[in-house]
Amino acid sequence: MTWSRGVWFFPGKPFLLHKWSPHFWPKRENFTSVPIWLKIHDLPLACWNTKGISKIISKIGIALIVDALTLEKSRLTYVRVCVKVTNTTTYLEHIPISIKDEIMNLRIQNEWKPMPCDTCGSLVHPPALCPSKATSLVAIEIPKRGRTTSQARRKHIPSASPTPLF
């Protein structure tokens, strides 16, 4: 079933699907955690396993799943990982690791970087569109339009040389 597969991504952003219920009441939830896709570039093959990837990603969030190409190890330039982040997550551009006393900096690329709302902490809307903020309505006066001369009938002026229709 579709809803049992978890989160779907459309243009890189999470799309949540729930099973319909007759008691469903639509409401906008304030999500304080969302899954996002990250890329870890130039990951050493020694770390190319569940334990290694999870340990590296734990500096940012909780590793949920890797994409099919990462799982099959058919794309070795980067690892693509779905990570659960919160509204307090610090997005790192590099993560230092040490393998046999050699320190390496792994470059991290965010496919989407959600910014938490300053008002409610939600990750699903920008601060400017927060439903919790009080908005004031501004009255705009629309000027009344009177009759203009463009609505006057045009005078028909016959052409100098009539052209036959057939």
N, C-alpha and C. Protein backbone atom coordinates (compact mmCIF):
# COMPACT_ATOMS: atom_id res chain seq x y z
N MET A 1 0.84 -1.18 0.00
CA MET A 1 0.00 0.00 0.00
C MET A 1 0.88 1.24 0.00
N THR A 2 0.41 2.28 -0.62
CA THR A 2 1.19 3.49 -0.80
C THR A 2 1.60 4.12 0.51
N TRP A 3 0.70 4.23 1.47
CA TRP A 3 1.01 4.95 2.71
C TRP A 3 1.95 4.18 3.62
N SER A 4 2.16 2.91 3.36
CA SER A 4 3.06 2.14 4.22
C SER A 4 4.53 2.33 3.85
N ARG A 5 4.82 3.05 2.77
CA ARG A 5 6.20 3.25 2.35
C ARG A 5 6.85 4.46 3.01
N GLY A 6 6.15 5.14 3.85
CA GLY A 6 6.74 6.27 4.56
C GLY A 6 6.64 7.56 3.78
N VAL A 7 7.70 8.33 3.79
CA VAL A 7 7.71 9.66 3.20
C VAL A 7 8.08 9.57 1.72
N TRP A 8 7.37 10.34 0.90
CA TRP A 8 7.68 10.48 -0.51
C TRP A 8 8.32 11.84 -0.70
N PHE A 9 9.13 12.00 -1.72
CA PHE A 9 9.77 13.28 -1.98
C PHE A 9 9.36 13.78 -3.35
N PHE A 10 8.84 14.99 -3.40
CA PHE A 10 8.53 15.67 -4.64
C PHE A 10 9.32 16.96 -4.64
N PRO A 11 9.94 17.27 -5.78
CA PRO A 11 11.02 18.26 -5.92
C PRO A 11 11.92 18.36 -4.70
N GLY A 12 12.34 17.21 -4.16
CA GLY A 12 13.29 17.19 -3.06
C GLY A 12 12.72 17.50 -1.69
N LYS A 13 11.42 17.72 -1.61
CA LYS A 13 10.81 18.05 -0.32
C LYS A 13 9.88 16.92 0.10
N PRO A 14 9.74 16.70 1.41
CA PRO A 14 8.93 15.58 1.88
C PRO A 14 7.44 15.78 1.64
N PHE A 15 6.78 14.70 1.25
CA PHE A 15 5.34 14.68 1.03
C PHE A 15 4.80 13.53 1.86
N LEU A 16 3.96 13.84 2.82
CA LEU A 16 3.43 12.82 3.73
C LEU A 16 2.05 12.40 3.27
N LEU A 17 1.83 11.11 3.22
CA LEU A 17 0.57 10.56 2.77
C LEU A 17 0.00 9.69 3.88
N HIS A 18 -1.25 9.94 4.24
CA HIS A 18 -1.90 9.16 5.29
C HIS A 18 -3.13 8.46 4.73
N LYS A 19 -3.47 7.33 5.31
CA LYS A 19 -4.65 6.58 4.90
C LYS A 19 -5.90 7.40 5.23
N TRP A 20 -6.84 7.42 4.28
CA TRP A 20 -8.06 8.19 4.46
C TRP A 20 -8.91 7.55 5.55
N SER A 21 -9.59 8.39 6.29
CA SER A 21 -10.49 7.95 7.33
C SER A 21 -11.73 8.84 7.28
N PRO A 22 -12.92 8.31 7.55
CA PRO A 22 -14.11 9.17 7.52
C PRO A 22 -14.08 10.23 8.62
N HIS A 23 -13.23 10.05 9.61
CA HIS A 23 -13.12 11.02 10.70
C HIS A 23 -11.96 11.98 10.49
N PHE A 24 -11.45 12.03 9.26
CA PHE A 24 -10.31 12.90 8.95
C PHE A 24 -10.70 14.37 9.11
N TRP A 25 -9.85 15.13 9.74
CA TRP A 25 -10.05 16.56 9.92
C TRP A 25 -8.77 17.24 9.45
N PRO A 26 -8.84 17.96 8.31
CA PRO A 26 -7.62 18.57 7.80
C PRO A 26 -7.11 19.68 8.72
N LYS A 27 -5.84 19.60 9.02
CA LYS A 27 -5.22 20.66 9.81
C LYS A 27 -3.75 20.73 9.42
N ARG A 28 -3.20 21.88 9.59
CA ARG A 28 -1.79 22.08 9.28
C ARG A 28 -0.99 21.78 10.54
N GLU A 29 -0.16 20.77 10.44
CA GLU A 29 0.66 20.39 11.59
C GLU A 29 1.98 21.13 11.55
N ASN A 30 2.51 21.42 12.71
CA ASN A 30 3.81 22.05 12.81
C ASN A 30 4.86 20.97 13.04
N PHE A 31 5.49 20.54 11.96
CA PHE A 31 6.49 19.50 12.05
C PHE A 31 7.80 20.09 12.55
N THR A 32 8.31 19.54 13.63
CA THR A 32 9.60 19.99 14.15
C THR A 32 10.72 19.07 13.71
N SER A 33 10.39 18.01 12.98
CA SER A 33 11.41 17.15 12.37
C SER A 33 10.89 16.68 11.01
N VAL A 34 11.80 16.62 10.04
CA VAL A 34 11.46 16.17 8.68
C VAL A 34 12.63 15.36 8.12
N PRO A 35 12.35 14.46 7.18
CA PRO A 35 13.45 13.75 6.51
C PRO A 35 13.95 14.57 5.32
N ILE A 36 15.26 14.60 5.13
CA ILE A 36 15.86 15.27 3.97
C ILE A 36 16.94 14.35 3.39
N TRP A 37 17.31 14.59 2.15
CA TRP A 37 18.37 13.83 1.52
C TRP A 37 19.68 14.60 1.61
N LEU A 38 20.74 13.89 2.00
CA LEU A 38 22.09 14.45 2.05
C LEU A 38 23.01 13.60 1.19
N LYS A 39 24.05 14.24 0.68
CA LYS A 39 25.09 13.52 -0.06
C LYS A 39 26.39 13.64 0.71
N ILE A 40 27.06 12.51 0.90
CA ILE A 40 28.40 12.49 1.50
C ILE A 40 29.36 12.19 0.35
N HIS A 41 30.21 13.16 0.02
CA HIS A 41 31.13 13.00 -1.10
C HIS A 41 32.43 12.34 -0.66
N ASP A 42 32.98 11.52 -1.55
CA ASP A 42 34.29 10.87 -1.37
C ASP A 42 34.39 10.05 -0.09
N LEU A 43 33.36 9.29 0.20
CA LEU A 43 33.37 8.43 1.39
C LEU A 43 34.33 7.26 1.17
N PRO A 44 35.28 7.03 2.08
CA PRO A 44 36.18 5.89 1.93
C PRO A 44 35.40 4.57 1.96
N LEU A 45 35.86 3.61 1.19
CA LEU A 45 35.16 2.33 1.12
C LEU A 45 35.09 1.62 2.46
N ALA A 46 36.03 1.91 3.35
CA ALA A 46 36.01 1.30 4.69
C ALA A 46 34.77 1.73 5.48
N CYS A 47 34.21 2.89 5.14
CA CYS A 47 33.01 3.41 5.83
C CYS A 47 31.73 3.12 5.07
N TRP A 48 31.85 2.46 3.93
CA TRP A 48 30.70 2.27 3.06
C TRP A 48 29.87 1.08 3.55
N ASN A 49 29.29 1.24 4.75
CA ASN A 49 28.42 0.22 5.33
C ASN A 49 27.44 0.92 6.27
N THR A 50 26.48 0.17 6.76
CA THR A 50 25.44 0.75 7.61
C THR A 50 26.01 1.43 8.84
N LYS A 51 26.94 0.77 9.50
CA LYS A 51 27.52 1.33 10.73
C LYS A 51 28.31 2.61 10.43
N GLY A 52 29.13 2.59 9.38
CA GLY A 52 29.95 3.75 9.04
C GLY A 52 29.12 4.96 8.63
N ILE A 53 28.15 4.73 7.75
CA ILE A 53 27.29 5.82 7.28
C ILE A 53 26.46 6.38 8.43
N SER A 54 25.90 5.51 9.26
CA SER A 54 25.09 5.97 10.39
C SER A 54 25.91 6.80 11.38
N LYS A 55 27.14 6.37 11.63
CA LYS A 55 27.99 7.09 12.58
C LYS A 55 28.34 8.48 12.04
N ILE A 56 28.64 8.58 10.76
CA ILE A 56 28.97 9.88 10.15
C ILE A 56 27.75 10.79 10.17
N ILE A 57 26.61 10.28 9.76
CA ILE A 57 25.38 11.08 9.67
C ILE A 57 24.87 11.47 11.04
N SER A 58 25.23 10.74 12.09
CA SER A 58 24.76 11.07 13.44
C SER A 58 25.23 12.45 13.89
N LYS A 59 26.22 13.03 13.21
CA LYS A 59 26.66 14.40 13.53
C LYS A 59 25.62 15.42 13.09
N ILE A 60 24.71 15.00 12.19
CA ILE A 60 23.67 15.90 11.67
C ILE A 60 22.28 15.48 12.14
N GLY A 61 21.96 14.21 12.01
CA GLY A 61 20.63 13.72 12.37
C GLY A 61 20.63 12.20 12.44
N ILE A 62 19.46 11.61 12.23
CA ILE A 62 19.31 10.16 12.30
C ILE A 62 19.19 9.61 10.88
N ALA A 63 20.08 8.70 10.51
CA ALA A 63 20.03 8.08 9.18
C ALA A 63 18.81 7.18 9.09
N LEU A 64 18.02 7.35 8.03
CA LEU A 64 16.82 6.54 7.85
C LEU A 64 17.01 5.47 6.79
N ILE A 65 17.53 5.87 5.62
CA ILE A 65 17.66 4.94 4.50
C ILE A 65 18.66 5.52 3.50
N VAL A 66 19.26 4.66 2.69
CA VAL A 66 20.11 5.12 1.60
C VAL A 66 19.38 4.86 0.29
N ASP A 67 19.77 5.56 -0.78
CA ASP A 67 19.11 5.34 -2.06
C ASP A 67 19.61 4.04 -2.70
N ALA A 68 18.95 3.62 -3.77
CA ALA A 68 19.25 2.33 -4.40
C ALA A 68 20.68 2.25 -4.93
N LEU A 69 21.18 3.32 -5.54
CA LEU A 69 22.53 3.30 -6.09
C LEU A 69 23.59 3.20 -4.99
N THR A 70 23.33 3.80 -3.85
CA THR A 70 24.25 3.68 -2.71
C THR A 70 24.21 2.26 -2.17
N LEU A 71 23.03 1.70 -2.06
CA LEU A 71 22.88 0.34 -1.54
C LEU A 71 23.60 -0.68 -2.42
N GLU A 72 23.51 -0.48 -3.74
CA GLU A 72 24.15 -1.40 -4.69
C GLU A 72 25.64 -1.08 -4.90
N LYS A 73 26.09 0.04 -4.34
CA LYS A 73 27.48 0.52 -4.51
C LYS A 73 27.83 0.69 -5.98
N SER A 74 26.86 1.16 -6.76
CA SER A 74 27.11 1.37 -8.19
C SER A 74 27.50 2.81 -8.50
N ARG A 75 27.35 3.71 -7.57
CA ARG A 75 27.81 5.10 -7.72
C ARG A 75 28.77 5.35 -6.57
N LEU A 76 30.05 5.44 -6.85
CA LEU A 76 31.04 5.53 -5.79
C LEU A 76 31.51 6.96 -5.52
N THR A 77 30.98 7.95 -6.22
CA THR A 77 31.43 9.34 -6.00
C THR A 77 30.80 9.95 -4.76
N TYR A 78 29.60 9.53 -4.41
CA TYR A 78 28.96 10.01 -3.19
C TYR A 78 27.93 9.01 -2.69
N VAL A 79 27.61 9.15 -1.41
CA VAL A 79 26.58 8.34 -0.76
C VAL A 79 25.38 9.26 -0.56
N ARG A 80 24.20 8.78 -0.92
CA ARG A 80 22.98 9.57 -0.73
C ARG A 80 22.18 8.93 0.40
N VAL A 81 21.93 9.72 1.46
CA VAL A 81 21.28 9.21 2.67
C VAL A 81 20.09 10.08 3.03
N CYS A 82 18.98 9.44 3.38
CA CYS A 82 17.82 10.17 3.90
C CYS A 82 18.02 10.29 5.41
N VAL A 83 17.97 11.53 5.90
CA VAL A 83 18.29 11.82 7.29
C VAL A 83 17.14 12.57 7.94
N LYS A 84 16.78 12.16 9.15
CA LYS A 84 15.75 12.88 9.92
C LYS A 84 16.45 14.02 10.66
N VAL A 85 16.02 15.26 10.35
CA VAL A 85 16.59 16.44 11.00
C VAL A 85 15.49 17.13 11.81
N THR A 86 15.91 17.92 12.78
CA THR A 86 14.96 18.66 13.62
C THR A 86 15.15 20.15 13.40
N ASN A 87 14.30 20.93 14.07
CA ASN A 87 14.40 22.38 13.93
C ASN A 87 15.62 22.95 14.65
N THR A 88 16.36 22.13 15.38
CA THR A 88 17.59 22.58 16.04
C THR A 88 18.85 22.02 15.37
N THR A 89 18.69 21.35 14.23
CA THR A 89 19.82 20.74 13.54
C THR A 89 20.78 21.80 13.02
N THR A 90 22.07 21.52 13.18
CA THR A 90 23.11 22.35 12.58
C THR A 90 23.57 21.63 11.32
N TYR A 91 23.46 22.30 10.18
CA TYR A 91 23.84 21.70 8.91
C TYR A 91 25.33 21.92 8.67
N LEU A 92 26.06 20.84 8.71
CA LEU A 92 27.51 20.90 8.53
C LEU A 92 27.86 20.77 7.05
N GLU A 93 28.87 21.50 6.62
CA GLU A 93 29.35 21.38 5.24
C GLU A 93 30.44 20.33 5.14
N HIS A 94 31.13 20.07 6.25
CA HIS A 94 32.19 19.05 6.30
C HIS A 94 32.08 18.30 7.62
N ILE A 95 32.36 17.01 7.56
CA ILE A 95 32.40 16.19 8.77
C ILE A 95 33.78 15.53 8.83
N PRO A 96 34.55 15.82 9.87
CA PRO A 96 35.87 15.19 9.98
C PRO A 96 35.75 13.75 10.49
N ILE A 97 36.50 12.85 9.86
CA ILE A 97 36.56 11.46 10.33
C ILE A 97 38.03 11.06 10.43
N SER A 98 38.28 10.02 11.20
CA SER A 98 39.64 9.52 11.37
C SER A 98 39.65 8.03 11.08
N ILE A 99 40.48 7.64 10.12
CA ILE A 99 40.65 6.22 9.78
C ILE A 99 42.14 5.91 9.90
N LYS A 100 42.47 5.04 10.84
CA LYS A 100 43.86 4.64 11.10
C LYS A 100 44.76 5.87 11.26
N ASP A 101 44.36 6.76 12.15
CA ASP A 101 45.10 7.98 12.49
C ASP A 101 45.23 8.98 11.34
N GLU A 102 44.47 8.78 10.28
CA GLU A 102 44.46 9.75 9.18
C GLU A 102 43.13 10.50 9.23
N ILE A 103 43.21 11.82 9.35
CA ILE A 103 42.00 12.65 9.45
C ILE A 103 41.59 13.11 8.06
N MET A 104 40.31 12.93 7.77
CA MET A 104 39.74 13.35 6.48
C MET A 104 38.52 14.21 6.75
N ASN A 105 38.27 15.16 5.86
CA ASN A 105 37.05 15.97 5.93
C ASN A 105 36.13 15.54 4.80
N LEU A 106 34.98 15.00 5.14
CA LEU A 106 34.00 14.59 4.14
C LEU A 106 33.08 15.77 3.83
N ARG A 107 32.90 16.04 2.55
CA ARG A 107 32.02 17.15 2.15
C ARG A 107 30.58 16.67 2.16
N ILE A 108 29.71 17.46 2.79
CA ILE A 108 28.28 17.14 2.90
C ILE A 108 27.51 18.13 2.04
N GLN A 109 26.60 17.60 1.23
CA GLN A 109 25.77 18.44 0.37
C GLN A 109 24.30 18.20 0.72
N ASN A 110 23.57 19.28 0.99
CA ASN A 110 22.15 19.19 1.31
C ASN A 110 21.34 19.37 0.03
N GLU A 111 20.41 18.46 -0.24
CA GLU A 111 19.53 18.64 -1.38
C GLU A 111 18.45 19.67 -1.06
N TRP A 112 18.10 19.76 0.20
CA TRP A 112 17.13 20.76 0.67
C TRP A 112 17.48 21.05 2.11
N LYS A 113 17.52 22.32 2.45
CA LYS A 113 17.86 22.70 3.81
C LYS A 113 16.67 23.43 4.42
N PRO A 114 15.82 22.73 5.20
CA PRO A 114 14.66 23.40 5.79
C PRO A 114 15.09 24.40 6.87
N MET A 115 14.49 25.56 6.82
CA MET A 115 14.77 26.59 7.82
C MET A 115 13.61 26.65 8.81
N PRO A 116 13.89 26.54 10.10
CA PRO A 116 12.81 26.56 11.09
C PRO A 116 12.16 27.94 11.18
N CYS A 117 10.86 27.93 11.41
CA CYS A 117 10.10 29.17 11.60
C CYS A 117 10.51 29.78 12.94
N ASP A 118 10.75 31.09 12.95
CA ASP A 118 11.13 31.79 14.17
C ASP A 118 10.00 31.81 15.20
N THR A 119 8.76 31.77 14.73
CA THR A 119 7.61 31.90 15.62
C THR A 119 7.22 30.57 16.27
N CYS A 120 7.05 29.52 15.44
CA CYS A 120 6.53 28.25 15.98
C CYS A 120 7.51 27.09 15.90
N GLY A 121 8.63 27.24 15.22
CA GLY A 121 9.62 26.18 15.13
C GLY A 121 9.35 25.14 14.07
N SER A 122 8.28 25.29 13.28
CA SER A 122 7.94 24.32 12.25
C SER A 122 8.94 24.37 11.10
N LEU A 123 9.11 23.22 10.44
CA LEU A 123 10.02 23.14 9.30
C LEU A 123 9.29 23.11 7.97
N VAL A 124 7.97 23.19 7.98
CA VAL A 124 7.21 23.05 6.73
C VAL A 124 6.78 24.37 6.11
N HIS A 125 7.05 25.48 6.76
CA HIS A 125 6.73 26.77 6.15
C HIS A 125 7.81 27.78 6.53
N PRO A 126 8.03 28.77 5.65
CA PRO A 126 9.01 29.81 5.99
C PRO A 126 8.46 30.76 7.04
N PRO A 127 9.33 31.46 7.76
CA PRO A 127 8.87 32.37 8.82
C PRO A 127 7.86 33.41 8.33
N ALA A 128 8.00 33.87 7.10
CA ALA A 128 7.10 34.91 6.59
C ALA A 128 5.67 34.40 6.42
N LEU A 129 5.49 33.09 6.27
CA LEU A 129 4.15 32.53 6.05
C LEU A 129 3.62 31.76 7.25
N CYS A 130 4.10 32.07 8.43
CA CYS A 130 3.68 31.36 9.64
C CYS A 130 2.21 31.63 9.94
N PRO A 131 1.38 30.58 10.07
CA PRO A 131 -0.02 30.79 10.40
C PRO A 131 -0.23 31.27 11.83
N SER A 132 0.78 31.14 12.68
CA SER A 132 0.67 31.59 14.07
C SER A 132 0.81 33.10 14.21
N LYS A 133 1.42 33.73 13.21
CA LYS A 133 1.61 35.18 13.28
C LYS A 133 0.28 35.89 13.03
N ALA A 134 0.07 36.95 13.77
CA ALA A 134 -1.13 37.75 13.55
C ALA A 134 -0.90 38.60 12.31
N THR A 135 -1.84 38.52 11.39
CA THR A 135 -1.72 39.32 10.18
C THR A 135 -2.76 40.43 10.23
N SER A 136 -2.36 41.58 9.81
CA SER A 136 -3.30 42.69 9.77
C SER A 136 -3.75 42.88 8.33
N LEU A 137 -5.03 43.10 8.18
CA LEU A 137 -5.59 43.32 6.86
C LEU A 137 -5.47 44.79 6.51
N VAL A 138 -5.02 45.05 5.32
CA VAL A 138 -4.87 46.42 4.86
C VAL A 138 -5.99 46.69 3.88
N ALA A 139 -6.74 47.76 4.14
CA ALA A 139 -7.83 48.13 3.25
C ALA A 139 -7.27 48.89 2.06
N ILE A 140 -7.60 48.42 0.89
CA ILE A 140 -7.15 49.07 -0.34
C ILE A 140 -8.37 49.66 -1.01
N GLU A 141 -8.30 50.96 -1.28
CA GLU A 141 -9.43 51.62 -1.92
C GLU A 141 -9.28 51.49 -3.43
N ILE A 142 -10.32 50.95 -4.05
CA ILE A 142 -10.32 50.79 -5.49
C ILE A 142 -11.13 51.94 -6.07
N PRO A 143 -10.52 52.75 -6.92
CA PRO A 143 -11.25 53.90 -7.47
C PRO A 143 -12.39 53.43 -8.38
N LYS A 144 -13.51 54.15 -8.31
CA LYS A 144 -14.65 53.82 -9.15
C LYS A 144 -14.37 54.32 -10.55
N ARG A 145 -14.76 53.51 -11.48
CA ARG A 145 -14.53 53.87 -12.87
C ARG A 145 -15.80 54.45 -13.46
N GLY A 146 -15.67 55.58 -14.06
CA GLY A 146 -16.81 56.18 -14.74
C GLY A 146 -16.82 55.78 -16.20
N ARG A 147 -17.80 56.29 -16.91
CA ARG A 147 -17.90 55.99 -18.33
C ARG A 147 -16.79 56.73 -19.07
N THR A 148 -16.14 56.04 -19.96
CA THR A 148 -15.06 56.65 -20.71
C THR A 148 -15.46 56.86 -22.15
N THR A 149 -14.68 57.64 -22.86
CA THR A 149 -14.99 57.92 -24.26
C THR A 149 -14.72 56.72 -25.14
N SER A 150 -13.98 55.76 -24.67
CA SER A 150 -13.68 54.59 -25.49
C SER A 150 -14.92 53.73 -25.71
N GLN A 151 -15.97 53.96 -24.94
CA GLN A 151 -17.18 53.17 -25.10
C GLN A 151 -18.15 53.83 -26.08
N ALA A 152 -17.80 54.99 -26.59
CA ALA A 152 -18.67 55.65 -27.56
C ALA A 152 -18.63 54.87 -28.88
N ARG A 153 -19.73 54.91 -29.62
CA ARG A 153 -19.80 54.19 -30.89
C ARG A 153 -18.88 54.84 -31.91
N ARG A 154 -18.27 54.00 -32.68
CA ARG A 154 -17.42 54.50 -33.75
C ARG A 154 -18.26 54.78 -34.97
N LYS A 155 -17.92 55.81 -35.64
CA LYS A 155 -18.63 56.13 -36.89
C LYS A 155 -18.10 55.24 -37.99
N HIS A 156 -19.03 54.73 -38.83
CA HIS A 156 -18.63 53.86 -39.93
C HIS A 156 -18.27 54.72 -41.12
N ILE A 157 -17.05 54.57 -41.58
CA ILE A 157 -16.61 55.31 -42.76
C ILE A 157 -16.40 54.29 -43.86
N PRO A 158 -17.20 54.39 -44.95
CA PRO A 158 -17.04 53.42 -46.04
C PRO A 158 -15.69 53.62 -46.72
N SER A 159 -15.14 52.51 -47.21
CA SER A 159 -13.85 52.60 -47.88
C SER A 159 -14.03 53.21 -49.26
N ALA A 160 -12.97 53.76 -49.79
CA ALA A 160 -13.03 54.45 -51.07
C ALA A 160 -13.29 53.48 -52.20
N SER A 161 -12.69 52.32 -52.18
CA SER A 161 -12.92 51.34 -53.24
C SER A 161 -13.39 50.04 -52.60
N PRO A 162 -14.69 49.77 -52.70
CA PRO A 162 -15.19 48.54 -52.10
C PRO A 162 -14.61 47.31 -52.81
N THR A 163 -14.26 46.30 -52.04
CA THR A 163 -13.73 45.07 -52.62
C THR A 163 -14.83 44.03 -52.66
N PRO A 164 -14.93 43.31 -53.76
CA PRO A 164 -15.98 42.30 -53.86
C PRO A 164 -15.67 41.12 -52.92
N LEU A 165 -16.71 40.50 -52.42
CA LEU A 165 -16.55 39.36 -51.52
C LEU A 165 -16.21 38.07 -52.27
N PHE A 166 -16.70 37.94 -53.53
CA PHE A 166 -16.44 36.70 -54.28
C PHE A 166 -15.63 36.97 -55.49
